[in-house]
Amino acid sequence: MMRSVLHDITRRIQYGRSPSLGAGSVLSGHIASGVEAVRHPAWPKLGSREVPLILDLDGTLLRTDVLYEKALALVRADPLNVLRMLYWAMGGRAHLKRRMAQAVTLDIEALPENPELVAFAEAEAKGGRPIHMSTATDNVTASQIARRFPFISSVIASDGQTNLKGAAKAAELARRFPLGFDYAGDSRADLPVWHAARQAIVVGASPGVERAAGRAADVAGVFRRPPYGRLLLKSMRSHQWAKNALILVPAVLANRFLDPSALGSLAISFVALCLIASATYILNDIWDVADDRRHWSKKNRPLASGQFPIVYGLAAVPAGLGAGFLLGALAGPKVVLTLAAYTGLTLAYSFYLKRVVLLDALTLASLFTIRLAVGTAAVEAIASPWLFVFSMFLFTSLALAKRHTEIARATARGAAQINGRGYVAVDLPLVLAAGVAAGTSALLILVFYVIDDAFKQTFYGDVAWLWGFPLALSIILGRIWVACQRGTLQDDPVVFALTDRLALTAGSALAMCFVLAWAGFSV
């Protein structure tokens, strides 16, 4: 905390502002007017330093929209706040923003900034240009955010009566700066402001807005954003779709993996599950966005980093769920039922269960087990109780390995608990013991399966090869938990198992044992 305060004081002195001055203070005589800051060659080239630069806030200075951030924080605090916001909205948009500003305070320092624009604005301030912020956000919140950026001279924002957006913002800026101003914005609502400005800077806008800005003003430069398609795919966690291959296991154990009709149903169910899982991932990331920004790795996710807007994520959730259930209906009502169970349990996990110690790991294991149920329903196989019990123990162990890593990393950083979770530092030995015990139980259940169930299956040519399963799995689980203890395990133990040489070799041996058992090679 002390380092943060000293850094803020240093930056304020650097930009000619007293450390005691607030967001509405003015740069003191442009102390750097005789010093040209180092500039990036791709930055906009503005004219006279006497012309002020006005920065929009939402989607420009910040890679997020404060209104959505406030709404999400209020709903997380109390879902009934939705009704309160509807009531406040009856008084107008400016009144709504004022009441929301008074009702909740955001974690200002964690809000994702636009680093390219911030660096540009800092350079302009060092060169002596006045920098102001003008936003439709309520001035209570806008002033709090402005204190984070010491190069900002003043804040011009909504005041509870007037929503400073579009034409209203253009008129106010023209009144305050009759000699002209340059303006950086991001949306179609900024077109009237650009029309009134001397020069325009377009930040993270769509191609259509870029073209419209070019017709409305002299565009000095453009800060482009990454393609949203790629960011959407990343938000969907497409790399996690490999986990949904679990739906193939019941077909393999029922000897139906070569049945064309079963394969068609499995393919449809697989795509449906991927879409539904991705939609719930996005919803989870939206709900946890504030906690993820304080996480050592999750802060880089598209939604937490602000690269993918929350509003787009909110639109993707119903689209993914709708498409997934429509596809599931093609595979049959039992598949739809299991997909509904997966969705319901995932939502319960995202909104509450993830904060309950140990129950969160059991919930994750249940979600993996439901994947097996989807495959069982898709091929209409007879469910093996050994398979489902084995799945629960195995994936509980893997989930606890992930929690063990998170607790250890949080403890190493001096934190007493994990943001958004129920675990505290002293839970580390408990999680270790429970995780190893669950893994050991999974190995025992696997042995019981081979003895009690596998020898009864007629499609195995030589069941003796299946005794390689417990040995291979013990190596994989052992490697994961050793990595936990050594602090080398990343967020996902499955990813670790696919990249660790010994674990990958053991997994390949496990697959080979199954092939040899099915093909009937004699031991």
Protein backbone atom coordinates (compact mmCIF):
# COMPACT_ATOMS: atom_id res chain seq x y z
CA MET A 1 0.00 0.00 0.00
CA MET A 2 2.81 2.44 0.95
CA ARG A 3 4.58 1.76 -2.36
CA SER A 4 1.34 2.51 -4.23
CA VAL A 5 0.91 5.84 -2.39
CA LEU A 6 4.52 6.88 -3.01
CA HIS A 7 4.17 5.94 -6.69
CA ASP A 8 1.03 8.08 -6.97
CA ILE A 9 2.74 11.06 -5.31
CA THR A 10 5.73 10.70 -7.65
CA ARG A 11 3.51 10.66 -10.73
CA ARG A 12 1.57 13.71 -9.55
CA ILE A 13 4.77 15.69 -9.01
CA GLN A 14 6.01 14.51 -12.42
CA TYR A 15 2.93 16.00 -14.08
CA GLY A 16 3.10 19.25 -12.14
CA ARG A 17 0.33 18.51 -9.64
CA SER A 18 0.48 18.74 -5.91
CA PRO A 19 -0.08 15.37 -4.22
CA SER A 20 -2.94 16.93 -2.26
CA LEU A 21 -4.87 18.15 -5.29
CA GLY A 22 -7.95 16.27 -6.46
CA ALA A 23 -9.20 15.29 -9.90
CA GLY A 24 -10.40 18.77 -10.72
CA SER A 25 -7.03 20.49 -10.28
CA VAL A 26 -5.12 22.09 -13.16
CA LEU A 27 -1.64 21.29 -14.42
CA SER A 28 0.72 23.74 -12.76
CA GLY A 29 2.17 25.86 -15.50
CA HIS A 30 2.97 22.90 -17.78
CA ILE A 31 6.33 22.30 -16.16
CA ALA A 32 7.34 20.00 -18.97
CA SER A 33 6.49 22.47 -21.73
CA GLY A 34 10.12 22.73 -22.73
CA VAL A 35 10.69 18.97 -22.71
CA GLU A 36 9.50 16.75 -25.55
CA ALA A 37 8.51 13.35 -24.22
CA VAL A 38 9.58 10.20 -26.03
CA ARG A 39 6.84 9.41 -28.53
CA HIS A 40 5.82 6.21 -30.22
CA PRO A 41 5.90 6.67 -34.01
CA ALA A 42 2.39 5.25 -34.39
CA TRP A 43 0.81 7.72 -31.96
CA PRO A 44 -1.51 10.48 -33.23
CA LYS A 45 0.24 13.73 -34.14
CA LEU A 46 -1.75 16.62 -32.75
CA GLY A 47 -1.09 20.30 -33.41
CA SER A 48 -0.59 23.12 -30.92
CA ARG A 49 0.13 22.11 -27.33
CA GLU A 50 -2.25 24.87 -26.19
CA VAL A 51 -5.26 22.93 -27.49
CA PRO A 52 -6.50 20.61 -24.73
CA LEU A 53 -6.95 16.88 -25.23
CA ILE A 54 -10.29 15.52 -23.95
CA LEU A 55 -10.51 11.82 -23.09
CA ASP A 56 -13.69 9.82 -22.94
CA LEU A 57 -13.79 7.26 -20.11
CA ASP A 58 -15.84 4.17 -21.01
CA GLY A 59 -14.16 2.13 -23.73
CA THR A 60 -11.46 4.77 -24.15
CA LEU A 61 -9.39 5.58 -21.07
CA LEU A 62 -10.77 2.39 -19.54
CA ARG A 63 -11.32 -0.88 -21.37
CA THR A 64 -14.71 -1.28 -19.75
CA ASP A 65 -18.03 0.48 -19.21
CA VAL A 66 -18.49 1.83 -15.69
CA LEU A 67 -22.28 1.58 -15.92
CA TYR A 68 -22.10 -2.19 -16.50
CA GLU A 69 -19.46 -2.53 -13.82
CA LYS A 70 -21.70 -0.76 -11.30
CA ALA A 71 -24.76 -2.79 -12.29
CA LEU A 72 -22.83 -6.05 -11.95
CA ALA A 73 -21.48 -5.05 -8.54
CA LEU A 74 -24.97 -4.16 -7.32
CA VAL A 75 -26.49 -7.44 -8.53
CA ARG A 76 -23.66 -9.43 -6.93
CA ALA A 77 -24.28 -7.62 -3.64
CA ASP A 78 -28.03 -8.27 -3.75
CA PRO A 79 -30.05 -9.61 -6.73
CA LEU A 80 -32.98 -7.45 -5.58
CA ASN A 81 -30.95 -4.43 -6.64
CA VAL A 82 -32.23 -5.14 -10.16
CA LEU A 83 -35.61 -3.82 -9.01
CA ARG A 84 -33.98 -0.79 -7.40
CA MET A 85 -32.13 0.04 -10.63
CA LEU A 86 -35.36 -0.20 -12.62
CA TYR A 87 -36.96 2.22 -10.19
CA TRP A 88 -34.01 4.62 -10.37
CA ALA A 89 -34.12 4.49 -14.17
CA MET A 90 -37.61 5.98 -14.07
CA GLY A 91 -35.95 9.24 -13.01
CA GLY A 92 -33.77 9.33 -16.13
CA ARG A 93 -30.37 8.00 -17.07
CA ALA A 94 -28.45 10.70 -15.18
CA HIS A 95 -30.47 10.03 -12.02
CA LEU A 96 -29.84 6.28 -12.41
CA LYS A 97 -26.08 6.82 -12.64
CA ARG A 98 -26.05 9.11 -9.61
CA ARG A 99 -27.95 6.61 -7.46
CA MET A 100 -25.71 3.77 -8.63
CA ALA A 101 -22.63 5.86 -7.84
CA GLN A 102 -23.94 6.45 -4.33
CA ALA A 103 -24.94 2.81 -3.81
CA VAL A 104 -21.69 1.03 -4.68
CA THR A 105 -17.99 1.83 -4.89
CA LEU A 106 -15.87 0.02 -7.47
CA ASP A 107 -12.35 -1.27 -7.02
CA ILE A 108 -10.95 1.64 -9.02
CA GLU A 109 -7.35 0.44 -9.17
CA ALA A 110 -8.39 -2.91 -10.65
CA LEU A 111 -10.47 -1.47 -13.51
CA PRO A 112 -8.62 -2.28 -16.77
CA GLU A 113 -7.10 0.77 -18.40
CA ASN A 114 -6.21 1.21 -22.06
CA PRO A 115 -2.40 1.14 -21.75
CA GLU A 116 -1.71 2.52 -25.24
CA LEU A 117 -3.95 5.55 -24.75
CA VAL A 118 -2.68 6.13 -21.21
CA ALA A 119 0.92 6.15 -22.44
CA PHE A 120 -0.02 8.58 -25.23
CA ALA A 121 -1.87 10.90 -22.83
CA GLU A 122 1.03 10.82 -20.39
CA ALA A 123 3.43 11.83 -23.15
CA GLU A 124 1.14 14.67 -24.23
CA ALA A 125 0.89 15.86 -20.61
CA LYS A 126 4.67 15.80 -20.24
CA GLY A 127 4.88 17.91 -23.38
CA GLY A 128 2.63 20.54 -21.80
CA ARG A 129 -0.79 19.74 -23.24
CA PRO A 130 -3.75 20.06 -20.83
CA ILE A 131 -5.56 16.72 -20.48
CA HIS A 132 -9.19 16.59 -19.37
CA MET A 133 -11.69 13.76 -19.01
CA SER A 134 -15.26 14.10 -20.24
CA THR A 135 -17.67 11.23 -19.70
CA ALA A 136 -21.32 10.30 -19.36
CA THR A 137 -20.39 8.50 -16.13
CA ASP A 138 -21.58 10.27 -13.00
CA ASN A 139 -19.02 12.76 -11.73
CA VAL A 140 -18.86 11.10 -8.30
CA THR A 141 -17.42 7.95 -9.84
CA ALA A 142 -15.56 9.78 -12.63
CA SER A 143 -13.68 11.91 -10.09
CA GLN A 144 -12.66 8.81 -8.16
CA ILE A 145 -11.30 7.24 -11.34
CA ALA A 146 -9.52 10.43 -12.40
CA ARG A 147 -7.41 10.37 -9.23
CA ARG A 148 -5.81 7.23 -10.58
CA PHE A 149 -4.48 9.20 -13.58
CA PRO A 150 -2.52 12.22 -12.34
CA PHE A 151 -2.15 13.69 -15.83
CA ILE A 152 -5.89 14.50 -15.89
CA SER A 153 -6.48 18.20 -15.14
CA SER A 154 -10.26 18.18 -14.64
CA VAL A 155 -13.36 16.05 -14.97
CA ILE A 156 -16.47 16.97 -16.95
CA ALA A 157 -19.19 14.40 -16.31
CA SER A 158 -22.88 13.72 -15.72
CA ASP A 159 -24.18 15.44 -12.59
CA GLY A 160 -27.38 13.59 -11.68
CA GLN A 161 -29.48 15.95 -13.80
CA THR A 162 -27.79 15.97 -17.22
CA ASN A 163 -26.51 12.83 -18.92
CA LEU A 164 -23.36 14.18 -20.57
CA LYS A 165 -23.42 12.12 -23.74
CA GLY A 166 -23.54 12.80 -27.48
CA ALA A 167 -24.85 16.25 -28.37
CA ALA A 168 -24.98 17.32 -24.70
CA LYS A 169 -21.28 16.55 -24.29
CA ALA A 170 -20.41 18.30 -27.55
CA ALA A 171 -22.23 21.47 -26.46
CA GLU A 172 -20.62 21.48 -23.02
CA LEU A 173 -17.11 21.00 -24.39
CA ALA A 174 -17.63 23.71 -27.01
CA ARG A 175 -18.75 26.07 -24.25
CA ARG A 176 -15.79 25.28 -21.99
CA PHE A 177 -13.18 25.31 -24.73
CA PRO A 178 -14.22 27.96 -27.28
CA LEU A 179 -10.72 28.01 -28.82
CA GLY A 180 -11.01 24.33 -29.73
CA PHE A 181 -10.20 20.90 -28.35
CA ASP A 182 -9.11 17.45 -29.50
CA TYR A 183 -11.22 14.50 -28.45
CA ALA A 184 -10.55 10.77 -27.96
CA GLY A 185 -13.63 8.54 -28.01
CA ASP A 186 -14.78 5.08 -29.02
CA SER A 187 -18.44 4.92 -30.02
CA ARG A 188 -21.08 6.25 -32.37
CA ALA A 189 -22.37 8.42 -29.51
CA ASP A 190 -19.12 10.42 -29.83
CA LEU A 191 -19.82 11.53 -33.41
CA PRO A 192 -21.35 14.91 -32.35
CA VAL A 193 -18.31 15.53 -30.15
CA TRP A 194 -15.88 14.70 -32.94
CA HIS A 195 -17.83 16.99 -35.24
CA ALA A 196 -17.28 19.85 -32.77
CA ALA A 197 -13.63 18.97 -32.13
CA ARG A 198 -10.55 20.26 -33.91
CA GLN A 199 -9.11 16.75 -34.27
CA ALA A 200 -10.40 13.28 -33.40
CA ILE A 201 -8.71 10.23 -31.93
CA VAL A 202 -10.62 6.99 -32.39
CA VAL A 203 -10.05 4.34 -29.71
CA GLY A 204 -11.12 0.71 -29.99
CA ALA A 205 -14.05 1.49 -32.29
CA SER A 206 -15.68 -0.71 -34.90
CA PRO A 207 -14.77 -0.17 -38.57
CA GLY A 208 -18.14 1.52 -39.12
CA VAL A 209 -17.51 4.03 -36.33
CA GLU A 210 -14.01 4.67 -37.69
CA ARG A 211 -15.45 5.55 -41.10
CA ALA A 212 -18.15 7.75 -39.56
CA ALA A 213 -15.54 9.54 -37.46
CA GLY A 214 -13.53 10.23 -40.61
CA ARG A 215 -16.55 11.93 -42.14
CA ALA A 216 -17.30 13.95 -38.98
CA ALA A 217 -13.81 15.23 -38.14
CA ASP A 218 -10.14 15.32 -38.96
CA VAL A 219 -8.93 12.01 -37.51
CA ALA A 220 -5.43 12.43 -36.10
CA GLY A 221 -4.99 8.78 -35.16
CA VAL A 222 -6.63 5.47 -34.37
CA PHE A 223 -5.99 3.03 -31.53
CA ARG A 224 -7.42 -0.23 -32.85
CA ARG A 225 -8.65 -3.14 -30.77
CA PRO A 226 -8.02 -6.88 -31.36
CA PRO A 227 -10.71 -8.68 -33.40
CA TYR A 228 -13.65 -9.55 -31.18
CA GLY A 229 -14.07 -12.94 -32.90
CA ARG A 230 -10.75 -14.17 -31.57
CA LEU A 231 -11.50 -12.74 -28.13
CA LEU A 232 -14.93 -14.42 -28.10
CA LEU A 233 -13.32 -17.77 -28.90
CA LYS A 234 -10.83 -17.24 -26.10
CA SER A 235 -13.65 -16.27 -23.69
CA MET A 236 -15.44 -19.47 -24.68
CA ARG A 237 -12.33 -21.35 -23.49
CA SER A 238 -12.25 -23.49 -26.60
CA HIS A 239 -9.18 -25.28 -25.23
CA GLN A 240 -11.48 -26.72 -22.53
CA TRP A 241 -13.63 -28.49 -25.11
CA ALA A 242 -11.22 -31.44 -24.93
CA LYS A 243 -12.77 -32.23 -21.53
CA ASN A 244 -16.08 -32.88 -23.25
CA ALA A 245 -14.50 -35.87 -24.99
CA LEU A 246 -15.53 -37.70 -21.80
CA ILE A 247 -18.90 -38.27 -23.45
CA LEU A 248 -17.14 -40.85 -25.67
CA VAL A 249 -16.22 -43.07 -22.71
CA PRO A 250 -19.67 -44.69 -22.23
CA ALA A 251 -19.80 -45.51 -25.95
CA VAL A 252 -16.38 -47.15 -25.74
CA LEU A 253 -17.26 -49.17 -22.64
CA ALA A 254 -20.57 -50.22 -24.22
CA ASN A 255 -18.75 -51.22 -27.44
CA ARG A 256 -20.80 -48.76 -29.50
CA PHE A 257 -18.04 -46.39 -30.58
CA LEU A 258 -18.07 -47.89 -34.10
CA ASP A 259 -21.86 -47.71 -34.45
CA PRO A 260 -22.66 -45.00 -37.07
CA SER A 261 -25.95 -44.00 -35.40
CA ALA A 262 -24.24 -43.73 -32.02
CA LEU A 263 -21.41 -41.65 -33.47
CA GLY A 264 -23.89 -39.20 -35.03
CA SER A 265 -25.68 -38.72 -31.72
CA LEU A 266 -22.35 -38.36 -29.91
CA ALA A 267 -21.14 -35.72 -32.38
CA ILE A 268 -24.30 -33.65 -31.93
CA SER A 269 -24.15 -34.02 -28.14
CA PHE A 270 -20.48 -33.05 -28.11
CA VAL A 271 -21.09 -29.80 -29.99
CA ALA A 272 -24.15 -29.04 -27.85
CA LEU A 273 -22.17 -29.56 -24.65
CA CYS A 274 -19.31 -27.39 -25.93
CA LEU A 275 -21.68 -24.50 -26.67
CA ILE A 276 -23.45 -24.76 -23.32
CA ALA A 277 -20.21 -25.12 -21.38
CA SER A 278 -18.72 -22.10 -23.17
CA ALA A 279 -21.80 -20.01 -22.42
CA THR A 280 -21.53 -20.87 -18.73
CA TYR A 281 -17.79 -20.11 -18.78
CA ILE A 282 -18.54 -16.63 -20.12
CA LEU A 283 -21.27 -16.07 -17.52
CA ASN A 284 -18.90 -17.24 -14.79
CA ASP A 285 -16.20 -14.84 -16.00
CA ILE A 286 -18.67 -11.94 -16.06
CA TRP A 287 -19.86 -12.73 -12.55
CA ASP A 288 -16.30 -13.09 -11.24
CA VAL A 289 -14.76 -10.23 -13.21
CA ALA A 290 -13.86 -8.18 -10.12
CA ASP A 291 -12.21 -11.16 -8.37
CA ASP A 292 -10.42 -12.29 -11.53
CA ARG A 293 -8.73 -8.90 -11.88
CA ARG A 294 -6.96 -9.55 -8.59
CA HIS A 295 -5.91 -13.08 -9.64
CA TRP A 296 -2.34 -13.67 -10.81
CA SER A 297 -3.37 -15.32 -14.11
CA LYS A 298 -7.15 -14.86 -14.53
CA LYS A 299 -6.62 -11.10 -14.82
CA ASN A 300 -5.46 -11.73 -18.41
CA ARG A 301 -8.75 -13.31 -19.49
CA PRO A 302 -10.54 -11.26 -22.20
CA LEU A 303 -13.40 -10.13 -19.94
CA ALA A 304 -11.27 -9.40 -16.87
CA SER A 305 -8.70 -7.49 -18.95
CA GLY A 306 -11.45 -5.49 -20.65
CA GLN A 307 -10.42 -6.53 -24.16
CA PHE A 308 -13.80 -8.25 -24.66
CA PRO A 309 -16.68 -5.98 -23.52
CA ILE A 310 -19.03 -7.25 -20.82
CA VAL A 311 -22.05 -6.32 -22.92
CA TYR A 312 -20.87 -8.62 -25.72
CA GLY A 313 -20.35 -11.38 -23.19
CA LEU A 314 -23.87 -10.92 -21.89
CA ALA A 315 -25.19 -11.32 -25.43
CA ALA A 316 -23.11 -14.45 -26.04
CA VAL A 317 -24.51 -16.32 -23.02
CA PRO A 318 -28.15 -16.78 -24.18
CA ALA A 319 -26.97 -17.35 -27.75
CA GLY A 320 -24.70 -20.21 -26.67
CA LEU A 321 -27.28 -21.75 -24.34
CA GLY A 322 -30.02 -21.54 -26.96
CA ALA A 323 -27.92 -23.10 -29.71
CA GLY A 324 -26.68 -25.83 -27.38
CA PHE A 325 -30.14 -26.92 -26.27
CA LEU A 326 -31.49 -26.84 -29.82
CA LEU A 327 -28.73 -29.20 -30.89
CA GLY A 328 -29.27 -31.35 -27.82
CA ALA A 329 -32.92 -31.77 -28.77
CA LEU A 330 -31.78 -33.43 -32.00
CA ALA A 331 -29.97 -36.07 -29.94
CA GLY A 332 -33.03 -36.87 -27.83
CA PRO A 333 -34.88 -35.85 -24.66
CA LYS A 334 -32.49 -37.73 -22.34
CA VAL A 335 -29.59 -35.71 -23.70
CA VAL A 336 -31.55 -32.48 -23.14
CA LEU A 337 -32.25 -33.55 -19.56
CA THR A 338 -28.58 -34.20 -18.80
CA LEU A 339 -27.58 -30.93 -20.48
CA ALA A 340 -30.12 -29.13 -18.30
CA ALA A 341 -28.63 -30.78 -15.20
CA TYR A 342 -25.16 -29.66 -16.29
CA THR A 343 -26.35 -26.09 -16.87
CA GLY A 344 -28.22 -25.87 -13.57
CA LEU A 345 -25.32 -27.20 -11.53
CA THR A 346 -22.86 -24.92 -13.34
CA LEU A 347 -24.96 -21.86 -12.56
CA ALA A 348 -25.27 -22.92 -8.92
CA TYR A 349 -21.49 -23.29 -8.83
CA SER A 350 -20.86 -19.89 -10.41
CA PHE A 351 -23.27 -18.00 -8.17
CA TYR A 352 -22.71 -19.75 -4.83
CA LEU A 353 -21.14 -23.21 -4.54
CA LYS A 354 -17.66 -22.11 -5.60
CA ARG A 355 -17.38 -20.23 -2.30
CA VAL A 356 -18.13 -23.30 -0.13
CA VAL A 357 -14.99 -25.14 1.01
CA LEU A 358 -14.67 -28.68 -0.42
CA LEU A 359 -18.20 -28.58 -1.82
CA ASP A 360 -16.80 -26.57 -4.73
CA ALA A 361 -14.47 -29.47 -5.62
CA LEU A 362 -17.30 -31.99 -5.37
CA THR A 363 -19.39 -29.80 -7.66
CA LEU A 364 -16.64 -29.67 -10.27
CA ALA A 365 -16.32 -33.46 -10.05
CA SER A 366 -20.08 -33.74 -10.54
CA LEU A 367 -19.88 -31.62 -13.68
CA PHE A 368 -17.28 -33.97 -15.13
CA THR A 369 -19.44 -36.94 -14.19
CA ILE A 370 -22.48 -35.38 -15.87
CA ARG A 371 -20.40 -35.29 -19.06
CA LEU A 372 -20.29 -39.09 -18.81
CA ALA A 373 -24.07 -39.08 -18.30
CA VAL A 374 -24.49 -37.05 -21.50
CA GLY A 375 -22.53 -39.70 -23.40
CA THR A 376 -24.53 -42.48 -21.77
CA ALA A 377 -27.80 -40.82 -22.80
CA ALA A 378 -26.54 -40.12 -26.33
CA VAL A 379 -25.81 -43.78 -27.11
CA GLU A 380 -28.50 -45.19 -24.80
CA ALA A 381 -25.94 -47.29 -22.96
CA ILE A 382 -26.38 -48.99 -19.61
CA ALA A 383 -24.66 -46.82 -17.04
CA SER A 384 -21.84 -48.44 -15.07
CA PRO A 385 -21.98 -47.41 -11.39
CA TRP A 386 -18.23 -48.06 -11.10
CA LEU A 387 -17.57 -45.53 -13.86
CA PHE A 388 -19.54 -42.74 -12.20
CA VAL A 389 -18.09 -43.38 -8.73
CA PHE A 390 -14.57 -43.51 -10.18
CA SER A 391 -15.21 -40.22 -12.00
CA MET A 392 -16.35 -38.47 -8.82
CA PHE A 393 -13.23 -39.45 -6.86
CA LEU A 394 -10.81 -38.78 -9.72
CA PHE A 395 -12.09 -35.33 -10.59
CA THR A 396 -12.51 -34.35 -6.95
CA SER A 397 -8.78 -35.00 -6.59
CA LEU A 398 -7.98 -32.92 -9.67
CA ALA A 399 -10.23 -30.07 -8.50
CA LEU A 400 -8.54 -30.04 -5.11
CA ALA A 401 -5.15 -29.98 -6.83
CA LYS A 402 -6.24 -26.79 -8.56
CA ARG A 403 -7.41 -25.28 -5.26
CA HIS A 404 -4.17 -26.33 -3.56
CA THR A 405 -2.22 -24.40 -6.19
CA GLU A 406 -4.40 -21.31 -5.81
CA ILE A 407 -4.09 -21.31 -2.01
CA ALA A 408 -0.32 -21.81 -2.18
CA ARG A 409 0.14 -18.98 -4.67
CA ALA A 410 -2.11 -16.65 -2.68
CA THR A 411 -0.16 -17.46 0.49
CA ALA A 412 3.15 -16.82 -1.28
CA ARG A 413 1.84 -13.36 -2.21
CA GLY A 414 0.93 -12.60 1.38
CA ALA A 415 -2.84 -13.00 0.95
CA ALA A 416 -4.86 -14.55 3.74
CA GLN A 417 -7.53 -15.99 1.43
CA ILE A 418 -8.43 -16.53 -2.22
CA ASN A 419 -10.62 -13.87 -3.80
CA GLY A 420 -14.08 -15.21 -4.54
CA ARG A 421 -13.43 -18.53 -2.76
CA GLY A 422 -14.04 -19.79 0.76
CA TYR A 423 -10.49 -21.00 1.29
CA VAL A 424 -7.96 -19.38 3.62
CA ALA A 425 -4.22 -19.99 3.95
CA VAL A 426 -4.52 -22.46 6.82
CA ASP A 427 -6.69 -24.75 4.65
CA LEU A 428 -3.67 -25.82 2.60
CA PRO A 429 -2.91 -29.05 4.56
CA LEU A 430 -6.61 -29.98 4.58
CA VAL A 431 -6.87 -29.59 0.81
CA LEU A 432 -3.68 -31.62 0.32
CA ALA A 433 -4.96 -34.49 2.48
CA ALA A 434 -8.42 -34.51 0.92
CA GLY A 435 -7.01 -34.36 -2.62
CA VAL A 436 -4.55 -37.23 -2.13
CA ALA A 437 -7.25 -39.30 -0.39
CA ALA A 438 -9.67 -38.74 -3.26
CA GLY A 439 -7.00 -39.76 -5.78
CA THR A 440 -6.21 -42.92 -3.82
CA SER A 441 -9.92 -43.76 -3.65
CA ALA A 442 -10.16 -43.34 -7.42
CA LEU A 443 -7.38 -45.90 -7.86
CA LEU A 444 -9.18 -48.37 -5.58
CA ILE A 445 -12.46 -47.92 -7.46
CA LEU A 446 -10.61 -48.51 -10.73
CA VAL A 447 -9.26 -51.80 -9.36
CA PHE A 448 -12.78 -52.81 -8.29
CA TYR A 449 -14.07 -51.97 -11.76
CA VAL A 450 -11.51 -54.22 -13.42
CA ILE A 451 -12.34 -57.06 -11.06
CA ASP A 452 -16.11 -56.75 -10.88
CA ASP A 453 -17.15 -55.26 -14.23
CA ALA A 454 -14.44 -55.48 -16.88
CA PHE A 455 -14.10 -59.26 -16.72
CA LYS A 456 -17.83 -59.53 -17.50
CA GLN A 457 -17.56 -57.50 -20.72
CA THR A 458 -17.47 -59.74 -23.78
CA PHE A 459 -15.97 -57.16 -26.14
CA TYR A 460 -12.59 -57.26 -24.38
CA GLY A 461 -10.27 -59.73 -26.04
CA ASP A 462 -7.88 -59.96 -23.09
CA VAL A 463 -8.93 -58.18 -19.91
CA ALA A 464 -5.55 -58.72 -18.29
CA TRP A 465 -4.20 -55.65 -20.11
CA LEU A 466 -6.56 -53.47 -18.06
CA TRP A 467 -4.38 -54.03 -15.00
CA GLY A 468 -2.12 -51.42 -16.53
CA PHE A 469 -4.81 -48.80 -15.84
CA PRO A 470 -4.22 -48.40 -12.06
CA LEU A 471 -0.45 -48.26 -12.52
CA ALA A 472 -0.63 -45.60 -15.25
CA LEU A 473 -3.19 -43.53 -13.36
CA SER A 474 -1.14 -43.66 -10.14
CA ILE A 475 1.81 -42.17 -12.06
CA ILE A 476 -0.36 -39.38 -13.48
CA LEU A 477 -1.92 -38.47 -10.13
CA GLY A 478 1.42 -38.74 -8.41
CA ARG A 479 3.01 -36.32 -10.85
CA ILE A 480 0.16 -33.83 -10.38
CA TRP A 481 0.40 -33.82 -6.61
CA VAL A 482 4.19 -33.66 -6.63
CA ALA A 483 3.87 -30.59 -8.88
CA CYS A 484 1.39 -29.14 -6.37
CA GLN A 485 3.82 -29.54 -3.52
CA ARG A 486 6.69 -28.06 -5.53
CA GLY A 487 4.63 -25.10 -6.72
CA THR A 488 5.09 -25.93 -10.41
CA LEU A 489 1.46 -26.78 -11.17
CA GLN A 490 -0.39 -24.11 -13.11
CA ASP A 491 -4.15 -23.46 -12.88
CA ASP A 492 -5.31 -26.61 -14.67
CA PRO A 493 -3.98 -30.07 -13.64
CA VAL A 494 -5.37 -31.59 -16.86
CA VAL A 495 -3.21 -29.22 -18.89
CA PHE A 496 -0.24 -30.19 -16.72
CA ALA A 497 -0.90 -33.89 -17.36
CA LEU A 498 -0.93 -33.22 -21.10
CA THR A 499 2.39 -31.37 -21.00
CA ASP A 500 4.38 -33.28 -18.37
CA ARG A 501 6.54 -35.86 -20.11
CA LEU A 502 6.16 -38.66 -17.56
CA ALA A 503 2.42 -38.10 -17.10
CA LEU A 504 1.92 -37.97 -20.86
CA THR A 505 3.85 -41.22 -21.26
CA ALA A 506 1.70 -42.86 -18.59
CA GLY A 507 -1.45 -41.63 -20.32
CA SER A 508 -0.25 -43.05 -23.62
CA ALA A 509 0.48 -46.37 -21.91
CA LEU A 510 -3.04 -46.36 -20.46
CA ALA A 511 -4.53 -45.88 -23.91
CA MET A 512 -2.30 -48.61 -25.33
CA CYS A 513 -3.43 -51.03 -22.62
CA PHE A 514 -7.05 -50.45 -23.61
CA VAL A 515 -6.30 -51.03 -27.30
CA LEU A 516 -4.42 -54.24 -26.53
CA ALA A 517 -7.24 -55.45 -24.25
CA TRP A 518 -9.86 -54.72 -26.88
CA ALA A 519 -7.82 -56.24 -29.71
CA GLY A 520 -7.20 -59.40 -27.70
CA PHE A 521 -3.43 -59.56 -27.64
CA SER A 522 -2.37 -62.18 -25.14
CA VAL A 523 -0.35 -61.03 -22.17
